[in-house]
PDB file of N, CA and C in Angstrom:
ATOM      1  N   MET A   1      -1.766  18.345  -6.373  1.00  0.00           N
ATOM      2  CA  MET A   1      -0.818  18.608  -7.424  1.00  0.00           C
ATOM      3  C   MET A   1      -0.731  17.397  -8.369  1.00  0.00           C
ATOM      4  N   PHE A   2      -0.315  16.245  -7.841  1.00  0.00           N
ATOM      5  CA  PHE A   2      -0.247  15.033  -8.641  1.00  0.00           C
ATOM      6  C   PHE A   2      -1.401  14.118  -8.280  1.00  0.00           C
ATOM      7  N   LYS A   3      -1.882  13.358  -9.239  1.00  0.00           N
ATOM      8  CA  LYS A   3      -2.944  12.399  -8.982  1.00  0.00           C
ATOM      9  C   LYS A   3      -2.347  11.183  -8.277  1.00  0.00           C
ATOM     10  N   SER A   4      -3.024  10.687  -7.264  1.00  0.00           N
ATOM     11  CA  SER A   4      -2.541   9.539  -6.505  1.00  0.00           C
ATOM     12  C   SER A   4      -2.494   8.305  -7.403  1.00  0.00           C
ATOM     13  N   ASN A   5      -1.362   7.616  -7.399  1.00  0.00           N
ATOM     14  CA  ASN A   5      -1.234   6.405  -8.192  1.00  0.00           C
ATOM     15  C   ASN A   5      -0.597   5.261  -7.402  1.00  0.00           C
ATOM     16  N   ILE A   6      -0.573   5.403  -6.074  1.00  0.00           N
ATOM     17  CA  ILE A   6      -0.013   4.378  -5.201  1.00  0.00           C
ATOM     18  C   ILE A   6      -1.099   3.914  -4.241  1.00  0.00           C
ATOM     19  N   GLY A   7      -1.312   2.609  -4.193  1.00  0.00           N
ATOM     20  CA  GLY A   7      -2.306   2.036  -3.300  1.00  0.00           C
ATOM     21  C   GLY A   7      -1.750   1.833  -1.895  1.00  0.00           C
ATOM     22  N   GLU A   8      -2.618   1.410  -0.986  1.00  0.00           N
ATOM     23  CA  GLU A   8      -2.231   1.224   0.412  1.00  0.00           C
ATOM     24  C   GLU A   8      -1.144   0.162   0.567  1.00  0.00           C
ATOM     25  N   ALA A   9      -1.286  -0.968  -0.119  1.00  0.00           N
ATOM     26  CA  ALA A   9      -0.284  -2.032  -0.012  1.00  0.00           C
ATOM     27  C   ALA A   9       1.072  -1.539  -0.509  1.00  0.00           C
ATOM     28  N   ASP A  10       1.073  -0.798  -1.588  1.00  0.00           N
ATOM     29  CA  ASP A  10       2.311  -0.253  -2.144  1.00  0.00           C
ATOM     30  C   ASP A  10       2.958   0.712  -1.159  1.00  0.00           C
ATOM     31  N   ARG A  11       2.165   1.518  -0.484  1.00  0.00           N
ATOM     32  CA  ARG A  11       2.691   2.458   0.510  1.00  0.00           C
ATOM     33  C   ARG A  11       3.369   1.713   1.655  1.00  0.00           C
ATOM     34  N   VAL A  12       2.711   0.669   2.136  1.00  0.00           N
ATOM     35  CA  VAL A  12       3.265  -0.114   3.247  1.00  0.00           C
ATOM     36  C   VAL A  12       4.579  -0.765   2.824  1.00  0.00           C
ATOM     37  N   ILE A  13       4.615  -1.309   1.623  1.00  0.00           N
ATOM     38  CA  ILE A  13       5.831  -1.945   1.122  1.00  0.00           C
ATOM     39  C   ILE A  13       6.953  -0.922   1.000  1.00  0.00           C
ATOM     40  N   ARG A  14       6.645   0.252   0.487  1.00  0.00           N
ATOM     41  CA  ARG A  14       7.663   1.300   0.351  1.00  0.00           C
ATOM     42  C   ARG A  14       8.209   1.730   1.713  1.00  0.00           C
ATOM     43  N   LEU A  15       7.333   1.866   2.697  1.00  0.00           N
ATOM     44  CA  LEU A  15       7.792   2.246   4.033  1.00  0.00           C
ATOM     45  C   LEU A  15       8.627   1.142   4.671  1.00  0.00           C
ATOM     46  N   ALA A  16       8.265  -0.111   4.430  1.00  0.00           N
ATOM     47  CA  ALA A  16       9.042  -1.241   4.961  1.00  0.00           C
ATOM     48  C   ALA A  16      10.429  -1.279   4.321  1.00  0.00           C
ATOM     49  N   ILE A  17      10.500  -1.066   3.021  1.00  0.00           N
ATOM     50  CA  ILE A  17      11.791  -1.042   2.331  1.00  0.00           C
ATOM     51  C   ILE A  17      12.641   0.108   2.853  1.00  0.00           C
ATOM     52  N   ALA A  18      12.034   1.262   3.056  1.00  0.00           N
ATOM     53  CA  ALA A  18      12.769   2.415   3.581  1.00  0.00           C
ATOM     54  C   ALA A  18      13.308   2.120   4.979  1.00  0.00           C
ATOM     55  N   ALA A  19      12.500   1.484   5.806  1.00  0.00           N
ATOM     56  CA  ALA A  19      12.945   1.146   7.159  1.00  0.00           C
ATOM     57  C   ALA A  19      14.120   0.172   7.108  1.00  0.00           C
ATOM     58  N   MET A  20      14.053  -0.811   6.219  1.00  0.00           N
ATOM     59  CA  MET A  20      15.159  -1.765   6.080  1.00  0.00           C
ATOM     60  C   MET A  20      16.426  -1.068   5.592  1.00  0.00           C
ATOM     61  N   LEU A  21      16.290  -0.132   4.664  1.00  0.00           N
ATOM     62  CA  LEU A  21      17.458   0.608   4.178  1.00  0.00           C
ATOM     63  C   LEU A  21      18.090   1.436   5.294  1.00  0.00           C
ATOM     64  N   ILE A  22      17.267   2.049   6.124  1.00  0.00           N
ATOM     65  CA  ILE A  22      17.785   2.859   7.224  1.00  0.00           C
ATOM     66  C   ILE A  22      18.504   1.984   8.241  1.00  0.00           C
ATOM     67  N   VAL A  23      17.916   0.845   8.580  1.00  0.00           N
ATOM     68  CA  VAL A  23      18.565  -0.076   9.523  1.00  0.00           C
ATOM     69  C   VAL A  23      19.880  -0.575   8.948  1.00  0.00           C
ATOM     70  N   PHE A  24      19.866  -0.966   7.679  1.00  0.00           N
ATOM     71  CA  PHE A  24      21.096  -1.423   7.033  1.00  0.00           C
ATOM     72  C   PHE A  24      22.145  -0.320   7.040  1.00  0.00           C
ATOM     73  N   SER A  25      21.727   0.905   6.817  1.00  0.00           N
ATOM     74  CA  SER A  25      22.642   2.041   6.828  1.00  0.00           C
ATOM     75  C   SER A  25      23.298   2.195   8.190  1.00  0.00           C
ATOM     76  N   LEU A  26      22.524   2.038   9.241  1.00  0.00           N
ATOM     77  CA  LEU A  26      23.066   2.163  10.592  1.00  0.00           C
ATOM     78  C   LEU A  26      24.023   1.027  10.917  1.00  0.00           C
ATOM     79  N   ILE A  27      23.674  -0.177  10.495  1.00  0.00           N
ATOM     80  CA  ILE A  27      24.524  -1.339  10.770  1.00  0.00           C
ATOM     81  C   ILE A  27      25.820  -1.256   9.967  1.00  0.00           C
ATOM     82  N   ALA A  28      25.710  -0.922   8.688  1.00  0.00           N
ATOM     83  CA  ALA A  28      26.875  -0.893   7.806  1.00  0.00           C
ATOM     84  C   ALA A  28      27.701   0.372   7.975  1.00  0.00           C
ATOM     85  N   GLY A  29      27.127   1.389   8.557  1.00  0.00           N
ATOM     86  CA  GLY A  29      27.853   2.640   8.743  1.00  0.00           C
ATOM     87  C   GLY A  29      27.981   3.471   7.480  1.00  0.00           C
ATOM     88  N   HIS A  30      27.042   3.326   6.564  1.00  0.00           N
ATOM     89  CA  HIS A  30      27.047   4.090   5.320  1.00  0.00           C
ATOM     90  C   HIS A  30      25.833   5.019   5.287  1.00  0.00           C
ATOM     91  N   PRO A  31      26.009   6.278   5.643  1.00  0.00           N
ATOM     92  CA  PRO A  31      24.870   7.203   5.697  1.00  0.00           C
ATOM     93  C   PRO A  31      24.235   7.483   4.341  1.00  0.00           C
ATOM     94  N   LEU A  32      24.958   7.277   3.248  1.00  0.00           N
ATOM     95  CA  LEU A  32      24.381   7.523   1.928  1.00  0.00           C
ATOM     96  C   LEU A  32      23.237   6.550   1.618  1.00  0.00           C
ATOM     97  N   ILE A  33      23.295   5.370   2.199  1.00  0.00           N
ATOM     98  CA  ILE A  33      22.210   4.408   1.995  1.00  0.00           C
ATOM     99  C   ILE A  33      20.916   4.946   2.595  1.00  0.00           C
ATOM    100  N   ALA A  34      21.029   5.638   3.718  1.00  0.00           N
ATOM    101  CA  ALA A  34      19.846   6.228   4.349  1.00  0.00           C
ATOM    102  C   ALA A  34      19.237   7.302   3.459  1.00  0.00           C
ATOM    103  N   LEU A  35      20.054   7.992   2.684  1.00  0.00           N
ATOM    104  CA  LEU A  35      19.522   9.003   1.767  1.00  0.00           C
ATOM    105  C   LEU A  35      18.676   8.356   0.675  1.00  0.00           C
ATOM    106  N   ILE A  36      19.045   7.156   0.273  1.00  0.00           N
ATOM    107  CA  ILE A  36      18.253   6.439  -0.726  1.00  0.00           C
ATOM    108  C   ILE A  36      16.863   6.138  -0.178  1.00  0.00           C
ATOM    109  N   ALA A  37      16.762   5.938   1.125  1.00  0.00           N
ATOM    110  CA  ALA A  37      15.483   5.630   1.764  1.00  0.00           C
ATOM    111  C   ALA A  37      14.507   6.799   1.703  1.00  0.00           C
ATOM    112  N   VAL A  38      15.004   7.985   1.445  1.00  0.00           N
ATOM    113  CA  VAL A  38      14.138   9.168   1.378  1.00  0.00           C
ATOM    114  C   VAL A  38      13.141   9.042   0.226  1.00  0.00           C
ATOM    115  N   VAL A  39      13.561   8.460  -0.884  1.00  0.00           N
ATOM    116  CA  VAL A  39      12.686   8.347  -2.059  1.00  0.00           C
ATOM    117  C   VAL A  39      11.425   7.535  -1.752  1.00  0.00           C
ATOM    118  N   PRO A  40      11.531   6.303  -1.234  1.00  0.00           N
ATOM    119  CA  PRO A  40      10.294   5.576  -0.950  1.00  0.00           C
ATOM    120  C   PRO A  40       9.452   6.216   0.159  1.00  0.00           C
ATOM    121  N   ILE A  41      10.094   6.885   1.106  1.00  0.00           N
ATOM    122  CA  ILE A  41       9.346   7.552   2.171  1.00  0.00           C
ATOM    123  C   ILE A  41       8.518   8.701   1.593  1.00  0.00           C
ATOM    124  N   VAL A  42       9.134   9.526   0.778  1.00  0.00           N
ATOM    125  CA  VAL A  42       8.429  10.677   0.197  1.00  0.00           C
ATOM    126  C   VAL A  42       7.299  10.213  -0.718  1.00  0.00           C
ATOM    127  N   THR A  43       7.566   9.224  -1.560  1.00  0.00           N
ATOM    128  CA  THR A  43       6.516   8.767  -2.473  1.00  0.00           C
ATOM    129  C   THR A  43       5.380   8.085  -1.710  1.00  0.00           C
ATOM    130  N   ALA A  44       5.702   7.390  -0.625  1.00  0.00           N
ATOM    131  CA  ALA A  44       4.647   6.745   0.171  1.00  0.00           C
ATOM    132  C   ALA A  44       3.739   7.778   0.823  1.00  0.00           C
ATOM    133  N   PHE A  45       4.324   8.807   1.399  1.00  0.00           N
ATOM    134  CA  PHE A  45       3.512   9.828   2.057  1.00  0.00           C
ATOM    135  C   PHE A  45       2.795  10.736   1.060  1.00  0.00           C
ATOM    136  N   ALA A  46       3.402  10.966  -0.088  1.00  0.00           N
ATOM    137  CA  ALA A  46       2.764  11.804  -1.107  1.00  0.00           C
ATOM    138  C   ALA A  46       1.649  11.050  -1.834  1.00  0.00           C
ATOM    139  N   GLY A  47       1.771   9.735  -1.879  1.00  0.00           N
ATOM    140  CA  GLY A  47       0.744   8.933  -2.552  1.00  0.00           C
ATOM    141  C   GLY A  47       0.891   8.908  -4.056  1.00  0.00           C
ATOM    142  N   THR A  48       1.994   9.403  -4.548  1.00  0.00           N
ATOM    143  CA  THR A  48       2.213   9.414  -5.983  1.00  0.00           C
ATOM    144  C   THR A  48       3.667   9.092  -6.292  1.00  0.00           C
ATOM    145  N   CYS A  49       3.879   8.414  -7.404  1.00  0.00           N
ATOM    146  CA  CYS A  49       5.220   8.057  -7.846  1.00  0.00           C
ATOM    147  C   CYS A  49       5.414   8.584  -9.265  1.00  0.00           C
ATOM    148  N   PRO A  50       6.380   9.474  -9.464  1.00  0.00           N
ATOM    149  CA  PRO A  50       6.595  10.017 -10.804  1.00  0.00           C
ATOM    150  C   PRO A  50       6.905   8.943 -11.850  1.00  0.00           C
ATOM    151  N   LEU A  51       7.640   7.917 -11.467  1.00  0.00           N
ATOM    152  CA  LEU A  51       7.955   6.844 -12.406  1.00  0.00           C
ATOM    153  C   LEU A  51       6.692   6.092 -12.813  1.00  0.00           C
ATOM    154  N   TYR A  52       5.799   5.847 -11.858  1.00  0.00           N
ATOM    155  CA  TYR A  52       4.524   5.201 -12.186  1.00  0.00           C
ATOM    156  C   TYR A  52       3.731   6.061 -13.164  1.00  0.00           C
ATOM    157  N   SER A  53       3.771   7.381 -12.980  1.00  0.00           N
ATOM    158  CA  SER A  53       3.050   8.276 -13.875  1.00  0.00           C
ATOM    159  C   SER A  53       3.577   8.173 -15.305  1.00  0.00           C
ATOM    160  N   VAL A  54       4.899   8.134 -15.441  1.00  0.00           N
ATOM    161  CA  VAL A  54       5.512   8.035 -16.760  1.00  0.00           C
ATOM    162  C   VAL A  54       5.147   6.705 -17.431  1.00  0.00           C
ATOM    163  N   LEU A  55       5.153   5.634 -16.627  1.00  0.00           N
ATOM    164  CA  LEU A  55       4.872   4.306 -17.163  1.00  0.00           C
ATOM    165  C   LEU A  55       3.371   4.003 -17.256  1.00  0.00           C
ATOM    166  N   GLY A  56       2.543   4.869 -16.696  1.00  0.00           N
ATOM    167  CA  GLY A  56       1.102   4.671 -16.743  1.00  0.00           C
ATOM    168  C   GLY A  56       0.606   3.605 -15.775  1.00  0.00           C
ATOM    169  N   LEU A  57       1.339   3.381 -14.692  1.00  0.00           N
ATOM    170  CA  LEU A  57       0.954   2.362 -13.708  1.00  0.00           C
ATOM    171  C   LEU A  57       0.133   2.973 -12.585  1.00  0.00           C
ATOM    172  N   HIS A  58      -0.762   2.172 -12.028  1.00  0.00           N
ATOM    173  CA  HIS A  58      -1.557   2.536 -10.851  1.00  0.00           C
ATOM    174  C   HIS A  58      -1.698   1.298 -10.004  1.00  0.00           C
ATOM    175  N   THR A  59      -1.409   1.429  -8.698  1.00  0.00           N
ATOM    176  CA  THR A  59      -1.537   0.260  -7.816  1.00  0.00           C
ATOM    177  C   THR A  59      -2.654   0.460  -6.829  1.00  0.00           C
TER     178      THR A  59
END
């Protein structure tokens, strides 16, 4: 559907950030923070970032 515009390093970084957000959510007791983690997880597994597409970026 979408052309891949996220490289391997970018995927790893996105998953690491998502993991940190989830841990912080559990520690702080704010489940909404965990919902924010869904964005980097989905883009990492999909291999494409809509914002990168708009900006013309490729990693």
